[in-house]
């Protein structure tokens, strides 16, 4: 059987893309728990989620969740989140977060605290907590994991 190179290229590209998406069927919060120690005592309400694959090196997952102040305290403890400091990472102010309405609160430091633990090797974690008033908090989480 003879195959043309033109016919094999799309098949090879598809196989390469799919091989890099090993955790594509896993919900981002489950993936984040396994690769980056992100844990909630009870599953928060997921507002938005996104995942990208960096071929041959790793993957980046982002999720935005709504939770309560008491759940946030347990999240910080279970995930070994260090002290939160006021503000938003400057690059997040212009970054596209899945939906402009979701990202509106990232445009200023007001009501926001942040944490990151970036290491030369994965995992790396970036977190912003937005105080929505009362007991409500919106949490923006981005992780980078290898493998």
Protein backbone atom coordinates (compact mmCIF):
# COMPACT_ATOMS: atom_id res chain seq x y z
CA UNK A 1 0.00 0.00 0.00
CA UNK A 2 1.45 3.36 -1.00
CA UNK A 3 0.76 6.55 1.01
CA UNK A 4 1.50 10.04 -0.14
CA UNK A 5 3.43 12.32 2.16
CA UNK A 6 0.68 14.93 1.79
CA UNK A 7 -1.87 12.50 3.27
CA UNK A 8 0.39 11.49 6.17
CA UNK A 9 1.25 14.99 7.38
CA UNK A 10 -2.25 15.79 8.81
CA UNK A 11 -2.34 12.39 10.51
CA UNK A 12 1.10 12.91 12.06
CA UNK A 13 0.19 16.42 13.23
CA UNK A 14 -3.06 15.17 14.81
CA UNK A 15 -1.24 12.36 16.61
CA UNK A 16 1.35 14.83 17.94
CA UNK A 17 -1.30 17.25 19.18
CA UNK A 18 -3.33 14.52 20.87
CA UNK A 19 -0.27 13.00 22.53
CA UNK A 20 0.40 16.33 24.27
CA UNK A 21 -3.10 16.57 25.69
CA UNK A 22 -2.82 13.72 28.15
CA UNK A 23 -5.06 15.32 30.75
CA UNK A 24 -7.56 16.89 28.35
CA UNK A 25 -10.42 14.77 29.68
CA UNK A 26 -9.67 15.60 33.31
CA UNK A 27 -11.47 18.65 34.72
CA UNK A 28 -8.94 21.47 35.29
CA UNK A 29 -9.47 21.51 39.08
CA UNK A 30 -8.68 17.77 39.26
CA UNK A 31 -5.64 18.28 37.06
CA UNK A 32 -4.50 21.21 39.23
CA UNK A 33 -4.89 19.11 42.38
CA UNK A 34 -2.64 16.40 40.98
CA UNK A 35 0.06 18.51 39.41
CA UNK A 36 0.14 21.74 41.44
CA UNK A 37 -1.32 20.97 44.89
CA UNK A 38 -4.47 23.08 44.37
CA UNK A 39 -7.18 21.78 46.71
CA UNK A 40 -10.58 22.96 47.89
CA UNK A 41 -12.39 21.30 50.82
CA UNK A 42 -15.60 21.43 48.77
CA UNK A 43 -15.78 21.98 45.03
CA UNK A 44 -16.28 25.67 44.25
CA UNK A 45 -18.49 27.03 41.49
CA UNK A 46 -16.38 27.09 38.31
CA UNK A 47 -17.00 30.30 36.35
CA UNK A 48 -14.47 29.80 33.55
CA UNK A 49 -11.69 27.38 32.68
CA UNK A 50 -9.04 27.05 30.03
CA UNK A 51 -6.15 24.72 29.30
CA UNK A 52 -3.29 24.91 26.83
CA UNK A 53 -0.61 22.41 25.98
CA UNK A 54 3.00 23.41 25.48
CA UNK A 55 4.32 20.71 23.16
CA UNK A 56 6.95 18.53 24.71
CA UNK A 57 7.27 20.52 27.93
CA UNK A 58 4.05 20.84 29.86
CA UNK A 59 0.67 22.42 30.14
CA UNK A 60 -0.95 25.54 31.53
CA UNK A 61 -4.38 25.48 33.12
CA UNK A 62 -6.45 28.45 34.24
CA UNK A 63 -9.65 28.44 36.21
CA UNK A 64 -11.87 31.09 37.77
CA UNK A 65 -14.05 29.99 40.68
CA UNK A 66 -16.48 31.59 43.09
CA UNK A 67 -16.28 30.57 46.72
CA UNK A 68 -16.86 31.92 50.21
CA UNK A 69 -14.43 33.44 52.70
CA UNK A 70 -14.51 30.34 54.95
CA UNK A 71 -13.84 28.04 51.97
CA UNK A 72 -10.99 30.32 50.90
CA UNK A 73 -9.31 29.86 54.28
CA UNK A 74 -9.35 26.06 53.89
CA UNK A 75 -8.19 26.39 50.24
CA UNK A 76 -5.14 28.38 51.35
CA UNK A 77 -4.31 25.80 54.02
CA UNK A 78 -4.93 22.67 51.90
CA UNK A 79 -2.98 24.13 48.96
CA UNK A 80 -0.10 25.45 51.09
CA UNK A 81 -0.66 28.98 49.82
CA UNK A 82 1.72 31.46 51.39
CA UNK A 83 0.78 34.94 52.49
CA UNK A 84 -1.40 36.88 50.07
CA UNK A 85 -0.19 40.38 49.24
CA UNK A 86 -2.27 43.26 47.87
CA UNK A 87 -2.57 43.64 44.12
CA UNK A 88 -2.73 41.86 40.80
CA UNK A 89 0.23 40.73 38.66
CA UNK A 90 0.76 43.57 36.18
CA UNK A 91 0.63 41.25 33.16
CA UNK A 92 -2.81 40.01 34.26
CA UNK A 93 -4.32 43.46 33.76
CA UNK A 94 -4.04 43.16 30.00
CA UNK A 95 -4.15 39.37 29.70
CA UNK A 96 -7.23 37.85 28.14
CA UNK A 97 -8.98 35.77 30.80
CA UNK A 98 -11.46 33.67 28.83
CA UNK A 99 -14.19 36.30 29.19
CA UNK A 100 -13.87 40.06 29.57
CA UNK A 101 -16.63 40.17 32.22
CA UNK A 102 -14.72 37.65 34.34
CA UNK A 103 -11.50 39.68 34.08
CA UNK A 104 -12.95 43.09 34.87
CA UNK A 105 -11.94 42.89 38.55
CA UNK A 106 -8.29 42.23 37.56
CA UNK A 107 -7.85 45.70 36.08
CA UNK A 108 -7.08 47.35 39.43
CA UNK A 109 -5.55 46.37 42.74
CA UNK A 110 -8.71 47.33 44.62
CA UNK A 111 -10.15 44.35 46.46
CA UNK A 112 -7.49 41.97 45.13
CA UNK A 113 -4.75 39.96 46.79
CA UNK A 114 -2.21 37.75 45.06
CA UNK A 115 0.14 34.84 45.60
CA UNK A 116 2.62 33.12 43.33
CA UNK A 117 5.24 30.48 43.72
CA UNK A 118 7.12 30.36 40.51
CA UNK A 119 10.00 27.91 40.32
CA UNK A 120 12.43 27.29 37.45
CA UNK A 121 10.83 23.84 37.26
CA UNK A 122 7.13 23.03 37.39
CA UNK A 123 4.76 23.30 39.00
CA UNK A 124 4.29 27.04 39.11
CA UNK A 125 1.18 28.66 40.60
CA UNK A 126 -0.30 32.14 40.30
CA UNK A 127 -3.41 33.07 42.29
CA UNK A 128 -5.46 36.23 42.65
CA UNK A 129 -8.35 36.50 45.10
CA UNK A 130 -10.97 39.17 44.48
CA UNK A 131 -13.20 40.27 47.35
CA UNK A 132 -16.68 40.53 45.81
CA UNK A 133 -18.16 41.90 49.00
CA UNK A 134 -19.73 40.20 51.97
CA UNK A 135 -18.59 36.59 52.22
CA UNK A 136 -18.06 36.08 48.46
CA UNK A 137 -14.65 35.65 46.81
CA UNK A 138 -13.66 35.08 43.17
CA UNK A 139 -10.41 33.15 42.78
CA UNK A 140 -8.29 33.28 39.62
CA UNK A 141 -5.84 30.38 39.43
CA UNK A 142 -3.23 29.66 36.78
CA UNK A 143 -0.80 26.74 37.02
CA UNK A 144 1.96 25.41 34.85
CA UNK A 145 2.79 21.70 35.13
CA UNK A 146 5.22 19.48 33.30
CA UNK A 147 4.31 16.21 31.74
